[in-house]
Amino acid sequence: MRLEERRAAWNERAAVDGFWRAHPLRADRLARALAQQSETPSGWSWTLAGDDPRRLRVPPLPHRLVKAEAQPGRCVICGQAVFRLGWHRDLWGAGVTNQRAAWHACCVVAWKLWNAPSDHRRLLARVQGHRCAITQKRLLKTAEVDHRVPLFEVWRDRRDLPWPQLLAFWGAPNLQVVNRSAHTGKSIAETQDRALRRRSVLAPEQAQPDPKEPFLS
């Protein structure tokens, strides 16, 4: 390939990547929609290494377990075919996949949103009208990104949902921006709920909340 052709191809790919980086919420929706079109690999189930809760930050990706060399031209995020420039559709009518690609351009951006939602705080705040999702008060500069349904609760109560549905808990439908004080109160309530559940399992008769605990009164 001549230098001019390589430069033109690089510019085209940069334009595609730049488009999706500028629209992370759209990339999130598309990546989850593409996942809906893929079948869950036979025998796969969502597991954590040693039940390590820190691994809950990483969404379950069954197609990433299959090495890219085994299925060239397939996205390891959503499982769908990857075409020219990392696109999810064969816009050029070539009829072949990009054998050197293992990610859609949109899925790369969605993956970054799922794993680091705080990097998109300003965008999420704008979508919310700059109002705290819990108190509806004006968002402060110290506002934080939070998961509406905590990821530990997804693991505890909803891990058997179909894989594409699970992705929504890392995506925009489960993300909210809240003021730090509201976030702290929500986290305390979640921690105490977990403690009550553990106590109820170990000693059912002790499951009733202690009236001396101020956050449970």
N, C-alpha and C. Protein backbone atom coordinates (compact mmCIF):
# COMPACT_ATOMS: atom_id res chain seq x y z
N MET A 1 0.85 -1.20 0.00
CA MET A 1 0.00 0.00 0.00
C MET A 1 0.89 1.25 0.00
N ARG A 2 0.58 2.16 -0.87
CA ARG A 2 1.36 3.38 -0.96
C ARG A 2 1.13 4.27 0.26
N LEU A 3 2.08 5.19 0.45
CA LEU A 3 2.01 6.07 1.61
C LEU A 3 0.71 6.85 1.64
N GLU A 4 0.27 7.34 0.49
CA GLU A 4 -0.98 8.11 0.44
C GLU A 4 -2.18 7.26 0.83
N GLU A 5 -2.18 6.00 0.41
CA GLU A 5 -3.29 5.11 0.74
C GLU A 5 -3.29 4.78 2.23
N ARG A 6 -2.11 4.55 2.78
CA ARG A 6 -2.02 4.27 4.22
C ARG A 6 -2.47 5.47 5.03
N ARG A 7 -2.08 6.65 4.58
CA ARG A 7 -2.48 7.86 5.30
C ARG A 7 -3.98 8.07 5.22
N ALA A 8 -4.57 7.82 4.06
CA ALA A 8 -6.01 7.97 3.90
C ALA A 8 -6.76 6.96 4.78
N ALA A 9 -6.26 5.70 4.84
CA ALA A 9 -6.89 4.68 5.68
C ALA A 9 -6.79 5.06 7.15
N TRP A 10 -5.65 5.59 7.56
CA TRP A 10 -5.48 6.00 8.96
C TRP A 10 -6.44 7.14 9.29
N ASN A 11 -6.60 8.09 8.38
CA ASN A 11 -7.51 9.21 8.63
C ASN A 11 -8.96 8.74 8.73
N GLU A 12 -9.32 7.77 7.89
CA GLU A 12 -10.68 7.22 7.96
C GLU A 12 -10.92 6.54 9.30
N ARG A 13 -9.97 5.73 9.73
CA ARG A 13 -10.13 5.03 11.01
C ARG A 13 -10.16 6.02 12.18
N ALA A 14 -9.32 7.04 12.12
CA ALA A 14 -9.32 8.06 13.17
C ALA A 14 -10.65 8.79 13.23
N ALA A 15 -11.27 9.02 12.06
CA ALA A 15 -12.57 9.70 12.03
C ALA A 15 -13.64 8.83 12.69
N VAL A 16 -13.62 7.52 12.41
CA VAL A 16 -14.59 6.62 13.03
C VAL A 16 -14.39 6.57 14.54
N ASP A 17 -13.14 6.41 14.95
CA ASP A 17 -12.86 6.35 16.40
C ASP A 17 -13.26 7.66 17.08
N GLY A 18 -12.96 8.78 16.41
CA GLY A 18 -13.31 10.07 16.99
C GLY A 18 -14.81 10.26 17.13
N PHE A 19 -15.56 9.75 16.16
CA PHE A 19 -17.02 9.86 16.25
C PHE A 19 -17.55 9.15 17.48
N TRP A 20 -17.09 7.91 17.71
CA TRP A 20 -17.62 7.17 18.86
C TRP A 20 -17.11 7.73 20.18
N ARG A 21 -15.89 8.23 20.21
CA ARG A 21 -15.41 8.85 21.45
C ARG A 21 -16.24 10.08 21.81
N ALA A 22 -16.78 10.74 20.81
CA ALA A 22 -17.61 11.92 21.05
C ALA A 22 -19.03 11.55 21.44
N HIS A 23 -19.41 10.27 21.27
CA HIS A 23 -20.77 9.83 21.58
C HIS A 23 -20.74 8.53 22.40
N PRO A 24 -20.21 8.57 23.61
CA PRO A 24 -20.09 7.34 24.40
C PRO A 24 -21.43 6.71 24.78
N LEU A 25 -22.45 7.51 25.01
CA LEU A 25 -23.75 6.93 25.38
C LEU A 25 -24.38 6.22 24.19
N ARG A 26 -24.19 6.77 23.00
CA ARG A 26 -24.67 6.09 21.80
C ARG A 26 -23.89 4.79 21.58
N ALA A 27 -22.59 4.83 21.84
CA ALA A 27 -21.77 3.62 21.72
C ALA A 27 -22.23 2.55 22.71
N ASP A 28 -22.58 2.98 23.90
CA ASP A 28 -23.07 2.05 24.93
C ASP A 28 -24.35 1.37 24.46
N ARG A 29 -25.29 2.13 23.95
CA ARG A 29 -26.55 1.56 23.47
C ARG A 29 -26.31 0.57 22.33
N LEU A 30 -25.44 0.95 21.40
CA LEU A 30 -25.20 0.09 20.25
C LEU A 30 -24.48 -1.19 20.66
N ALA A 31 -23.50 -1.09 21.53
CA ALA A 31 -22.77 -2.28 21.97
C ALA A 31 -23.70 -3.27 22.65
N ARG A 32 -24.62 -2.77 23.47
CA ARG A 32 -25.56 -3.67 24.14
C ARG A 32 -26.57 -4.24 23.16
N ALA A 33 -26.96 -3.45 22.15
CA ALA A 33 -27.87 -3.96 21.12
C ALA A 33 -27.21 -5.05 20.28
N LEU A 34 -25.93 -4.87 19.97
CA LEU A 34 -25.20 -5.89 19.23
C LEU A 34 -25.08 -7.17 20.05
N ALA A 35 -24.87 -7.02 21.34
CA ALA A 35 -24.78 -8.20 22.21
C ALA A 35 -26.08 -8.98 22.21
N GLN A 36 -27.20 -8.27 22.10
CA GLN A 36 -28.49 -8.94 22.06
C GLN A 36 -28.61 -9.87 20.86
N GLN A 37 -27.86 -9.61 19.82
CA GLN A 37 -27.92 -10.43 18.61
C GLN A 37 -26.99 -11.65 18.67
N SER A 38 -26.18 -11.73 19.71
CA SER A 38 -25.22 -12.82 19.83
C SER A 38 -25.72 -13.87 20.81
N GLU A 39 -25.40 -15.09 20.54
CA GLU A 39 -25.75 -16.18 21.45
C GLU A 39 -24.68 -16.31 22.52
N THR A 40 -25.11 -16.63 23.72
CA THR A 40 -24.16 -16.89 24.79
C THR A 40 -23.44 -18.20 24.51
N PRO A 41 -22.12 -18.23 24.58
CA PRO A 41 -21.39 -19.48 24.31
C PRO A 41 -21.89 -20.63 25.18
N SER A 42 -21.96 -21.79 24.61
CA SER A 42 -22.47 -22.96 25.32
C SER A 42 -21.65 -23.24 26.57
N GLY A 43 -22.36 -23.44 27.67
CA GLY A 43 -21.71 -23.78 28.93
C GLY A 43 -21.17 -22.60 29.71
N TRP A 44 -21.31 -21.38 29.16
CA TRP A 44 -20.78 -20.23 29.88
C TRP A 44 -21.71 -19.80 31.01
N SER A 45 -21.13 -19.39 32.12
CA SER A 45 -21.89 -18.78 33.22
C SER A 45 -21.00 -17.73 33.86
N TRP A 46 -21.63 -16.71 34.41
CA TRP A 46 -20.88 -15.61 35.01
C TRP A 46 -20.30 -16.07 36.34
N THR A 47 -18.99 -16.02 36.45
CA THR A 47 -18.30 -16.39 37.68
C THR A 47 -17.26 -15.34 38.00
N LEU A 48 -16.86 -15.31 39.27
CA LEU A 48 -15.79 -14.42 39.71
C LEU A 48 -14.65 -15.26 40.23
N ALA A 49 -13.42 -14.84 39.96
CA ALA A 49 -12.26 -15.57 40.44
C ALA A 49 -12.21 -15.49 41.97
N GLY A 50 -12.51 -16.60 42.62
CA GLY A 50 -12.51 -16.60 44.08
C GLY A 50 -13.56 -15.71 44.67
N ASP A 51 -14.62 -15.41 43.90
CA ASP A 51 -15.67 -14.49 44.35
C ASP A 51 -15.10 -13.14 44.80
N ASP A 52 -14.04 -12.70 44.15
CA ASP A 52 -13.41 -11.43 44.46
C ASP A 52 -14.34 -10.28 44.08
N PRO A 53 -14.87 -9.51 45.04
CA PRO A 53 -15.83 -8.45 44.70
C PRO A 53 -15.25 -7.37 43.82
N ARG A 54 -13.91 -7.20 43.83
CA ARG A 54 -13.31 -6.16 42.99
C ARG A 54 -13.51 -6.46 41.51
N ARG A 55 -13.69 -7.71 41.16
CA ARG A 55 -13.88 -8.08 39.77
C ARG A 55 -15.28 -7.71 39.27
N LEU A 56 -16.14 -7.25 40.17
CA LEU A 56 -17.47 -6.80 39.74
C LEU A 56 -17.38 -5.54 38.90
N ARG A 57 -16.27 -4.82 38.98
CA ARG A 57 -16.10 -3.61 38.16
C ARG A 57 -16.00 -3.97 36.68
N VAL A 58 -15.64 -5.20 36.39
CA VAL A 58 -15.49 -5.64 35.00
C VAL A 58 -16.75 -6.40 34.58
N PRO A 59 -17.46 -5.93 33.57
CA PRO A 59 -18.69 -6.62 33.14
C PRO A 59 -18.38 -7.99 32.55
N PRO A 60 -19.32 -8.92 32.64
CA PRO A 60 -19.10 -10.26 32.08
C PRO A 60 -19.07 -10.23 30.56
N LEU A 61 -18.04 -10.82 29.99
CA LEU A 61 -17.88 -10.84 28.54
C LEU A 61 -17.53 -12.27 28.09
N PRO A 62 -18.53 -13.08 27.83
CA PRO A 62 -18.25 -14.48 27.47
C PRO A 62 -17.46 -14.63 26.19
N HIS A 63 -17.65 -13.73 25.22
CA HIS A 63 -16.94 -13.88 23.95
C HIS A 63 -15.47 -13.49 24.05
N ARG A 64 -15.09 -12.86 25.15
CA ARG A 64 -13.68 -12.54 25.35
C ARG A 64 -12.89 -13.79 25.76
N LEU A 65 -13.60 -14.82 26.21
CA LEU A 65 -12.94 -16.05 26.59
C LEU A 65 -12.42 -16.81 25.37
N VAL A 66 -13.00 -16.52 24.21
CA VAL A 66 -12.57 -17.15 22.97
C VAL A 66 -11.46 -16.30 22.37
N LYS A 67 -10.30 -16.89 22.16
CA LYS A 67 -9.17 -16.13 21.64
C LYS A 67 -9.50 -15.54 20.27
N ALA A 68 -9.03 -14.32 20.05
CA ALA A 68 -9.32 -13.64 18.79
C ALA A 68 -8.80 -14.44 17.60
N GLU A 69 -7.69 -15.21 17.80
CA GLU A 69 -7.14 -15.98 16.69
C GLU A 69 -8.11 -17.08 16.25
N ALA A 70 -8.94 -17.55 17.18
CA ALA A 70 -9.86 -18.64 16.85
C ALA A 70 -11.04 -18.14 16.02
N GLN A 71 -11.44 -16.89 16.23
CA GLN A 71 -12.54 -16.32 15.48
C GLN A 71 -12.14 -14.93 14.98
N PRO A 72 -11.27 -14.86 14.00
CA PRO A 72 -10.86 -13.55 13.48
C PRO A 72 -12.05 -12.81 12.88
N GLY A 73 -12.05 -11.50 13.09
CA GLY A 73 -13.13 -10.70 12.54
C GLY A 73 -14.38 -10.67 13.39
N ARG A 74 -14.29 -11.15 14.64
CA ARG A 74 -15.43 -11.12 15.56
C ARG A 74 -15.05 -10.26 16.77
N CYS A 75 -15.99 -9.47 17.23
CA CYS A 75 -15.75 -8.58 18.38
C CYS A 75 -15.79 -9.38 19.68
N VAL A 76 -14.75 -9.22 20.50
CA VAL A 76 -14.69 -9.94 21.76
C VAL A 76 -15.64 -9.36 22.80
N ILE A 77 -16.21 -8.18 22.53
CA ILE A 77 -17.16 -7.57 23.46
C ILE A 77 -18.57 -8.07 23.20
N CYS A 78 -19.04 -7.91 21.96
CA CYS A 78 -20.43 -8.25 21.66
C CYS A 78 -20.60 -9.56 20.89
N GLY A 79 -19.51 -10.07 20.29
CA GLY A 79 -19.58 -11.32 19.56
C GLY A 79 -20.00 -11.20 18.11
N GLN A 80 -20.25 -9.97 17.64
CA GLN A 80 -20.69 -9.77 16.26
C GLN A 80 -19.51 -9.51 15.33
N ALA A 81 -19.77 -9.60 14.02
CA ALA A 81 -18.71 -9.44 13.02
C ALA A 81 -18.20 -8.01 13.00
N VAL A 82 -16.90 -7.87 12.76
CA VAL A 82 -16.26 -6.56 12.64
C VAL A 82 -15.90 -6.34 11.17
N PHE A 83 -16.29 -5.20 10.65
CA PHE A 83 -16.01 -4.90 9.25
C PHE A 83 -14.97 -3.79 9.14
N ARG A 84 -14.81 -3.28 7.98
CA ARG A 84 -13.79 -2.27 7.71
C ARG A 84 -13.90 -1.10 8.68
N LEU A 85 -12.74 -0.60 9.11
CA LEU A 85 -12.63 0.54 10.02
C LEU A 85 -13.25 0.27 11.38
N GLY A 86 -13.40 -1.00 11.73
CA GLY A 86 -14.00 -1.33 13.02
C GLY A 86 -15.49 -1.09 13.07
N TRP A 87 -16.13 -1.03 11.90
CA TRP A 87 -17.56 -0.76 11.85
C TRP A 87 -18.35 -2.04 12.11
N HIS A 88 -19.58 -1.88 12.56
CA HIS A 88 -20.41 -3.03 12.91
C HIS A 88 -21.30 -3.49 11.76
N ARG A 89 -21.28 -2.78 10.65
CA ARG A 89 -22.05 -3.14 9.47
C ARG A 89 -21.15 -3.08 8.23
N ASP A 90 -21.48 -3.90 7.25
CA ASP A 90 -20.71 -3.93 6.01
C ASP A 90 -21.23 -2.84 5.08
N LEU A 91 -20.87 -1.60 5.37
CA LEU A 91 -21.37 -0.46 4.60
C LEU A 91 -20.83 -0.44 3.19
N TRP A 92 -19.73 -1.14 2.94
CA TRP A 92 -19.09 -1.10 1.64
C TRP A 92 -19.51 -2.28 0.76
N GLY A 93 -20.31 -3.20 1.32
CA GLY A 93 -20.78 -4.34 0.55
C GLY A 93 -19.67 -5.29 0.13
N ALA A 94 -18.59 -5.32 0.89
CA ALA A 94 -17.46 -6.19 0.53
C ALA A 94 -17.76 -7.66 0.81
N GLY A 95 -18.65 -7.91 1.78
CA GLY A 95 -19.02 -9.29 2.09
C GLY A 95 -18.01 -10.05 2.91
N VAL A 96 -17.00 -9.36 3.43
CA VAL A 96 -15.98 -10.03 4.25
C VAL A 96 -15.75 -9.21 5.51
N THR A 97 -15.32 -9.88 6.56
CA THR A 97 -15.03 -9.20 7.81
C THR A 97 -13.58 -8.74 7.83
N ASN A 98 -13.27 -7.87 8.77
CA ASN A 98 -11.90 -7.39 8.96
C ASN A 98 -11.16 -8.43 9.80
N GLN A 99 -10.35 -9.24 9.16
CA GLN A 99 -9.70 -10.36 9.82
C GLN A 99 -8.65 -9.93 10.84
N ARG A 100 -8.25 -8.68 10.82
CA ARG A 100 -7.23 -8.19 11.76
C ARG A 100 -7.85 -7.47 12.96
N ALA A 101 -9.18 -7.40 13.01
CA ALA A 101 -9.85 -6.65 14.08
C ALA A 101 -10.56 -7.58 15.04
N ALA A 102 -10.52 -7.24 16.31
CA ALA A 102 -11.22 -8.02 17.34
C ALA A 102 -12.14 -7.14 18.18
N TRP A 103 -12.30 -5.88 17.79
CA TRP A 103 -13.15 -4.94 18.52
C TRP A 103 -13.91 -4.08 17.51
N HIS A 104 -15.15 -3.78 17.81
CA HIS A 104 -15.84 -2.71 17.11
C HIS A 104 -15.37 -1.38 17.69
N ALA A 105 -15.34 -0.35 16.86
CA ALA A 105 -14.97 0.96 17.36
C ALA A 105 -15.94 1.42 18.45
N CYS A 106 -17.22 1.13 18.28
CA CYS A 106 -18.21 1.54 19.29
C CYS A 106 -18.04 0.73 20.57
N CYS A 107 -17.68 -0.54 20.44
CA CYS A 107 -17.55 -1.39 21.63
C CYS A 107 -16.35 -1.00 22.47
N VAL A 108 -15.30 -0.49 21.83
CA VAL A 108 -14.14 0.01 22.58
C VAL A 108 -14.56 1.14 23.50
N VAL A 109 -15.34 2.09 22.96
CA VAL A 109 -15.78 3.24 23.75
C VAL A 109 -16.76 2.79 24.83
N ALA A 110 -17.66 1.86 24.49
CA ALA A 110 -18.59 1.34 25.50
C ALA A 110 -17.84 0.65 26.62
N TRP A 111 -16.83 -0.12 26.28
CA TRP A 111 -16.03 -0.82 27.29
C TRP A 111 -15.39 0.17 28.27
N LYS A 112 -14.88 1.28 27.75
CA LYS A 112 -14.27 2.30 28.61
C LYS A 112 -15.32 2.94 29.51
N LEU A 113 -16.52 3.16 28.99
CA LEU A 113 -17.59 3.72 29.83
C LEU A 113 -17.96 2.75 30.94
N TRP A 114 -18.09 1.47 30.62
CA TRP A 114 -18.48 0.48 31.62
C TRP A 114 -17.46 0.37 32.74
N ASN A 115 -16.18 0.47 32.40
CA ASN A 115 -15.13 0.26 33.38
C ASN A 115 -14.69 1.54 34.10
N ALA A 116 -14.93 2.67 33.51
CA ALA A 116 -14.55 3.94 34.14
C ALA A 116 -15.65 4.97 33.93
N PRO A 117 -16.83 4.75 34.50
CA PRO A 117 -17.94 5.70 34.28
C PRO A 117 -17.66 7.09 34.83
N SER A 118 -16.80 7.20 35.83
CA SER A 118 -16.51 8.52 36.40
C SER A 118 -15.86 9.45 35.39
N ASP A 119 -15.21 8.87 34.38
CA ASP A 119 -14.59 9.71 33.35
C ASP A 119 -15.64 10.45 32.52
N HIS A 120 -16.89 10.02 32.63
CA HIS A 120 -17.96 10.62 31.83
C HIS A 120 -18.96 11.37 32.73
N ARG A 121 -18.49 11.82 33.87
CA ARG A 121 -19.39 12.47 34.83
C ARG A 121 -20.06 13.69 34.24
N ARG A 122 -19.33 14.52 33.53
CA ARG A 122 -19.92 15.75 32.98
C ARG A 122 -21.03 15.44 31.98
N LEU A 123 -20.80 14.45 31.14
CA LEU A 123 -21.82 14.08 30.16
C LEU A 123 -23.06 13.54 30.84
N LEU A 124 -22.88 12.65 31.80
CA LEU A 124 -24.01 12.07 32.52
C LEU A 124 -24.76 13.15 33.30
N ALA A 125 -24.03 14.10 33.88
CA ALA A 125 -24.67 15.19 34.61
C ALA A 125 -25.51 16.05 33.67
N ARG A 126 -25.01 16.28 32.47
CA ARG A 126 -25.78 17.09 31.51
C ARG A 126 -27.07 16.38 31.11
N VAL A 127 -26.99 15.06 30.94
CA VAL A 127 -28.19 14.29 30.61
C VAL A 127 -29.22 14.40 31.72
N GLN A 128 -28.77 14.49 32.96
CA GLN A 128 -29.67 14.60 34.12
C GLN A 128 -30.12 16.03 34.38
N GLY A 129 -29.71 16.95 33.55
CA GLY A 129 -30.09 18.34 33.78
C GLY A 129 -29.36 18.95 34.95
N HIS A 130 -28.18 18.39 35.28
CA HIS A 130 -27.35 18.89 36.38
C HIS A 130 -28.08 18.86 37.71
N ARG A 131 -28.93 17.84 37.89
CA ARG A 131 -29.63 17.64 39.15
C ARG A 131 -29.24 16.29 39.75
N CYS A 132 -29.05 16.27 41.05
CA CYS A 132 -28.71 15.03 41.74
C CYS A 132 -29.83 14.01 41.54
N ALA A 133 -29.48 12.81 41.16
CA ALA A 133 -30.48 11.78 40.87
C ALA A 133 -31.21 11.32 42.13
N ILE A 134 -30.66 11.58 43.31
CA ILE A 134 -31.29 11.14 44.56
C ILE A 134 -32.09 12.27 45.20
N THR A 135 -31.49 13.43 45.34
CA THR A 135 -32.14 14.53 46.06
C THR A 135 -32.81 15.53 45.12
N GLN A 136 -32.48 15.49 43.84
CA GLN A 136 -32.97 16.45 42.84
C GLN A 136 -32.45 17.86 43.08
N LYS A 137 -31.47 18.00 43.94
CA LYS A 137 -30.85 19.31 44.15
C LYS A 137 -29.78 19.54 43.09
N ARG A 138 -29.32 20.77 42.99
CA ARG A 138 -28.29 21.11 42.02
C ARG A 138 -27.02 20.30 42.28
N LEU A 139 -26.46 19.74 41.21
CA LEU A 139 -25.23 18.98 41.36
C LEU A 139 -24.07 19.92 41.70
N LEU A 140 -23.26 19.52 42.66
CA LEU A 140 -22.09 20.29 43.05
C LEU A 140 -20.87 19.79 42.27
N LYS A 141 -19.77 20.55 42.38
CA LYS A 141 -18.55 20.17 41.67
C LYS A 141 -17.99 18.85 42.18
N THR A 142 -18.35 18.48 43.40
CA THR A 142 -17.84 17.24 43.99
C THR A 142 -18.76 16.04 43.71
N ALA A 143 -19.74 16.21 42.83
CA ALA A 143 -20.67 15.12 42.53
C ALA A 143 -19.93 13.90 42.00
N GLU A 144 -20.54 12.73 42.20
CA GLU A 144 -19.90 11.46 41.85
C GLU A 144 -20.85 10.59 41.03
N VAL A 145 -20.26 9.71 40.24
CA VAL A 145 -21.04 8.76 39.45
C VAL A 145 -21.30 7.52 40.29
N ASP A 146 -22.54 7.06 40.25
CA ASP A 146 -22.96 5.93 41.08
C ASP A 146 -23.77 4.96 40.24
N HIS A 147 -23.76 3.67 40.64
CA HIS A 147 -24.63 2.68 40.02
C HIS A 147 -25.95 2.64 40.79
N ARG A 148 -27.05 2.85 40.11
CA ARG A 148 -28.35 2.82 40.78
C ARG A 148 -28.55 1.49 41.52
N VAL A 149 -28.42 0.40 40.78
CA VAL A 149 -28.42 -0.93 41.39
C VAL A 149 -26.96 -1.30 41.63
N PRO A 150 -26.54 -1.45 42.88
CA PRO A 150 -25.13 -1.76 43.16
C PRO A 150 -24.69 -3.04 42.45
N LEU A 151 -23.44 -3.06 42.01
CA LEU A 151 -22.95 -4.22 41.28
C LEU A 151 -22.90 -5.47 42.16
N PHE A 152 -22.68 -5.30 43.47
CA PHE A 152 -22.70 -6.47 44.34
C PHE A 152 -24.09 -7.08 44.40
N GLU A 153 -25.13 -6.21 44.27
CA GLU A 153 -26.50 -6.72 44.27
C GLU A 153 -26.81 -7.44 42.96
N VAL A 154 -26.25 -6.94 41.87
CA VAL A 154 -26.41 -7.64 40.58
C VAL A 154 -25.83 -9.04 40.69
N TRP A 155 -24.64 -9.14 41.27
CA TRP A 155 -24.00 -10.46 41.45
C TRP A 155 -24.81 -11.35 42.40
N ARG A 156 -25.33 -10.77 43.45
CA ARG A 156 -26.02 -11.54 44.46
C ARG A 156 -27.39 -12.02 44.00
N ASP A 157 -28.15 -11.15 43.33
CA ASP A 157 -29.55 -11.46 43.05
C ASP A 157 -29.89 -11.67 41.58
N ARG A 158 -29.02 -11.23 40.67
CA ARG A 158 -29.42 -11.22 39.26
C ARG A 158 -28.39 -11.86 38.34
N ARG A 159 -27.49 -12.62 38.88
CA ARG A 159 -26.41 -13.15 38.07
C ARG A 159 -26.89 -14.14 37.01
N ASP A 160 -28.10 -14.68 37.19
CA ASP A 160 -28.62 -15.67 36.23
C ASP A 160 -29.38 -15.04 35.08
N LEU A 161 -29.44 -13.71 35.04
CA LEU A 161 -30.09 -13.05 33.91
C LEU A 161 -29.31 -13.34 32.62
N PRO A 162 -29.97 -13.28 31.46
CA PRO A 162 -29.23 -13.45 30.21
C PRO A 162 -28.09 -12.44 30.11
N TRP A 163 -26.98 -12.89 29.54
CA TRP A 163 -25.77 -12.06 29.50
C TRP A 163 -25.99 -10.67 28.93
N PRO A 164 -26.68 -10.48 27.80
CA PRO A 164 -26.86 -9.11 27.28
C PRO A 164 -27.60 -8.20 28.26
N GLN A 165 -28.54 -8.77 29.03
CA GLN A 165 -29.26 -7.96 30.01
C GLN A 165 -28.34 -7.52 31.15
N LEU A 166 -27.38 -8.35 31.49
CA LEU A 166 -26.44 -7.99 32.56
C LEU A 166 -25.63 -6.75 32.20
N LEU A 167 -25.29 -6.60 30.93
CA LEU A 167 -24.45 -5.47 30.52
C LEU A 167 -25.09 -4.13 30.85
N ALA A 168 -26.42 -4.07 30.89
CA ALA A 168 -27.10 -2.81 31.18
C ALA A 168 -26.77 -2.29 32.57
N PHE A 169 -26.39 -3.17 33.49
CA PHE A 169 -26.07 -2.72 34.85
C PHE A 169 -24.73 -2.00 34.91
N TRP A 170 -23.90 -2.14 33.87
CA TRP A 170 -22.66 -1.37 33.79
C TRP A 170 -22.83 -0.16 32.88
N GLY A 171 -23.88 -0.16 32.07
CA GLY A 171 -24.09 0.89 31.10
C GLY A 171 -24.93 2.04 31.62
N ALA A 172 -25.27 2.92 30.71
CA ALA A 172 -25.98 4.16 31.05
C ALA A 172 -27.29 3.94 31.79
N PRO A 173 -28.08 2.88 31.50
CA PRO A 173 -29.35 2.72 32.24
C PRO A 173 -29.17 2.60 33.75
N ASN A 174 -27.98 2.20 34.20
CA ASN A 174 -27.77 2.00 35.63
C ASN A 174 -26.81 3.02 36.23
N LEU A 175 -26.48 4.06 35.47
CA LEU A 175 -25.55 5.08 35.96
C LEU A 175 -26.30 6.36 36.32
N GLN A 176 -25.87 6.98 37.39
CA GLN A 176 -26.46 8.24 37.82
C GLN A 176 -25.38 9.10 38.47
N VAL A 177 -25.57 10.40 38.43
CA VAL A 177 -24.65 11.33 39.09
C VAL A 177 -25.36 11.87 40.32
N VAL A 178 -24.68 11.79 41.45
CA VAL A 178 -25.27 12.20 42.73
C VAL A 178 -24.27 13.05 43.49
N ASN A 179 -24.78 13.92 44.34
CA ASN A 179 -23.90 14.68 45.21
C ASN A 179 -23.24 13.75 46.23
N ARG A 180 -22.07 14.15 46.67
CA ARG A 180 -21.27 13.27 47.53
C ARG A 180 -22.00 12.90 48.81
N SER A 181 -22.70 13.83 49.42
CA SER A 181 -23.41 13.53 50.67
C SER A 181 -24.50 12.48 50.44
N ALA A 182 -25.22 12.61 49.32
CA ALA A 182 -26.26 11.64 48.99
C ALA A 182 -25.64 10.27 48.68
N HIS A 183 -24.50 10.29 48.01
CA HIS A 183 -23.81 9.05 47.69
C HIS A 183 -23.35 8.34 48.96
N THR A 184 -22.86 9.12 49.91
CA THR A 184 -22.42 8.54 51.19
C THR A 184 -23.58 7.89 51.92
N GLY A 185 -24.72 8.59 51.97
CA GLY A 185 -25.90 8.02 52.64
C GLY A 185 -26.37 6.75 51.96
N LYS A 186 -26.37 6.73 50.64
CA LYS A 186 -26.77 5.52 49.90
C LYS A 186 -25.83 4.37 50.18
N SER A 187 -24.53 4.66 50.22
CA SER A 187 -23.54 3.61 50.47
C SER A 187 -23.68 3.04 51.87
N ILE A 188 -23.98 3.90 52.85
CA ILE A 188 -24.17 3.43 54.22
C ILE A 188 -25.38 2.52 54.30
N ALA A 189 -26.48 2.93 53.66
CA ALA A 189 -27.69 2.10 53.67
C ALA A 189 -27.43 0.75 53.01
N GLU A 190 -26.67 0.74 51.91
CA GLU A 190 -26.36 -0.52 51.23
C GLU A 190 -25.49 -1.41 52.10
N THR A 191 -24.52 -0.81 52.79
CA THR A 191 -23.64 -1.59 53.66
C THR A 191 -24.42 -2.20 54.81
N GLN A 192 -25.32 -1.45 55.39
CA GLN A 192 -26.11 -1.97 56.51
C GLN A 192 -27.08 -3.05 56.04
N ASP A 193 -27.61 -2.89 54.83
CA ASP A 193 -28.48 -3.93 54.28
C ASP A 193 -27.71 -5.23 54.10
N ARG A 194 -26.48 -5.14 53.63
CA ARG A 194 -25.66 -6.33 53.46
C ARG A 194 -25.36 -6.98 54.81
N ALA A 195 -25.09 -6.13 55.80
CA ALA A 195 -24.81 -6.67 57.14
C ALA A 195 -26.03 -7.38 57.71
N LEU A 196 -27.21 -6.81 57.51
CA LEU A 196 -28.43 -7.45 57.99
C LEU A 196 -28.66 -8.79 57.30
N ARG A 197 -28.37 -8.85 56.02
CA ARG A 197 -28.54 -10.11 55.29
C ARG A 197 -27.59 -11.17 55.81
N ARG A 198 -26.36 -10.77 56.07
CA ARG A 198 -25.39 -11.74 56.60
C ARG A 198 -25.82 -12.23 57.97
N ARG A 199 -26.29 -11.31 58.82
CA ARG A 199 -26.73 -11.71 60.15
C ARG A 199 -27.95 -12.62 60.08
N SER A 200 -28.84 -12.35 59.12
CA SER A 200 -30.03 -13.19 59.01
C SER A 200 -29.69 -14.60 58.57
N VAL A 201 -28.61 -14.73 57.80
CA VAL A 201 -28.18 -16.06 57.36
C VAL A 201 -27.53 -16.81 58.52
N LEU A 202 -26.69 -16.08 59.28
CA LEU A 202 -25.98 -16.72 60.39
C LEU A 202 -26.89 -16.97 61.58
N ALA A 203 -27.78 -16.02 61.85
CA ALA A 203 -28.67 -16.14 63.01
C ALA A 203 -29.98 -15.45 62.68
N PRO A 204 -30.97 -16.16 62.13
CA PRO A 204 -32.23 -15.55 61.72
C PRO A 204 -32.91 -14.75 62.82
N GLU A 205 -32.75 -15.16 64.06
CA GLU A 205 -33.42 -14.44 65.14
C GLU A 205 -32.79 -13.08 65.38
N GLN A 206 -31.59 -12.83 64.81
CA GLN A 206 -30.94 -11.54 65.00
C GLN A 206 -31.12 -10.62 63.79
N ALA A 207 -32.02 -10.99 62.90
CA ALA A 207 -32.18 -10.23 61.66
C ALA A 207 -32.84 -8.88 61.87
N GLN A 208 -33.54 -8.68 63.00
CA GLN A 208 -34.21 -7.40 63.24
C GLN A 208 -33.18 -6.31 63.47
N PRO A 209 -33.39 -5.12 62.91
CA PRO A 209 -32.42 -4.04 63.08
C PRO A 209 -32.33 -3.58 64.53
N ASP A 210 -31.13 -3.16 64.91
CA ASP A 210 -30.87 -2.65 66.24
C ASP A 210 -31.40 -1.23 66.34
N PRO A 211 -32.32 -0.91 67.28
CA PRO A 211 -32.88 0.44 67.37
C PRO A 211 -31.85 1.49 67.72
N LYS A 212 -30.67 1.04 68.22
CA LYS A 212 -29.63 1.99 68.55
C LYS A 212 -28.86 2.48 67.32
N GLU A 213 -29.04 1.80 66.19
CA GLU A 213 -28.32 2.20 64.98
C GLU A 213 -29.08 3.35 64.33
N PRO A 214 -28.47 4.55 64.27
CA PRO A 214 -29.21 5.75 63.82
C PRO A 214 -29.69 5.67 62.38
N PHE A 215 -28.95 4.99 61.51
CA PHE A 215 -29.33 4.99 60.11
C PHE A 215 -30.44 3.98 59.82
N LEU A 216 -30.81 3.19 60.83
CA LEU A 216 -31.89 2.23 60.65
C LEU A 216 -33.13 2.63 61.41
N SER A 217 -33.06 3.73 62.11
CA SER A 217 -34.19 4.14 62.93
C SER A 217 -35.22 4.90 62.10
